[in-house]
Amino acid sequence: TLQQRTRAHQLKQQKHTDAQTKTVQNRAQLQQTQDDLQTKKARLENQKQKVVQSKDKVEKQKVIVDRVQNRLGQLQKECQ
């Protein structure tokens, strides 16, 4: 009957609309996830830079400690 066909058509349209809505929601969610990952990546890069800088400082301090220890050794020999 006409009513059944109309109802079937409405259901088909509703399914299509629901699918489009779901696709839009999924795209928005994916974009948000990508944005979050970019933010986390940038934060990690920043932390990595800080670690590298800290390592450099430690290496420089090690060099200074070695020099001081060498000089101390020389002075101790001179005092004997």
Foldseek 3Di string as FASTA:
>chain_A
DVVVVVVVVVVVVVVVVVVVVVVVVVVVVVVVVVVVVVVVVVVVVVVVVVVVVVVVVVVVVVVVVVVVVVVVVVVVVVVD
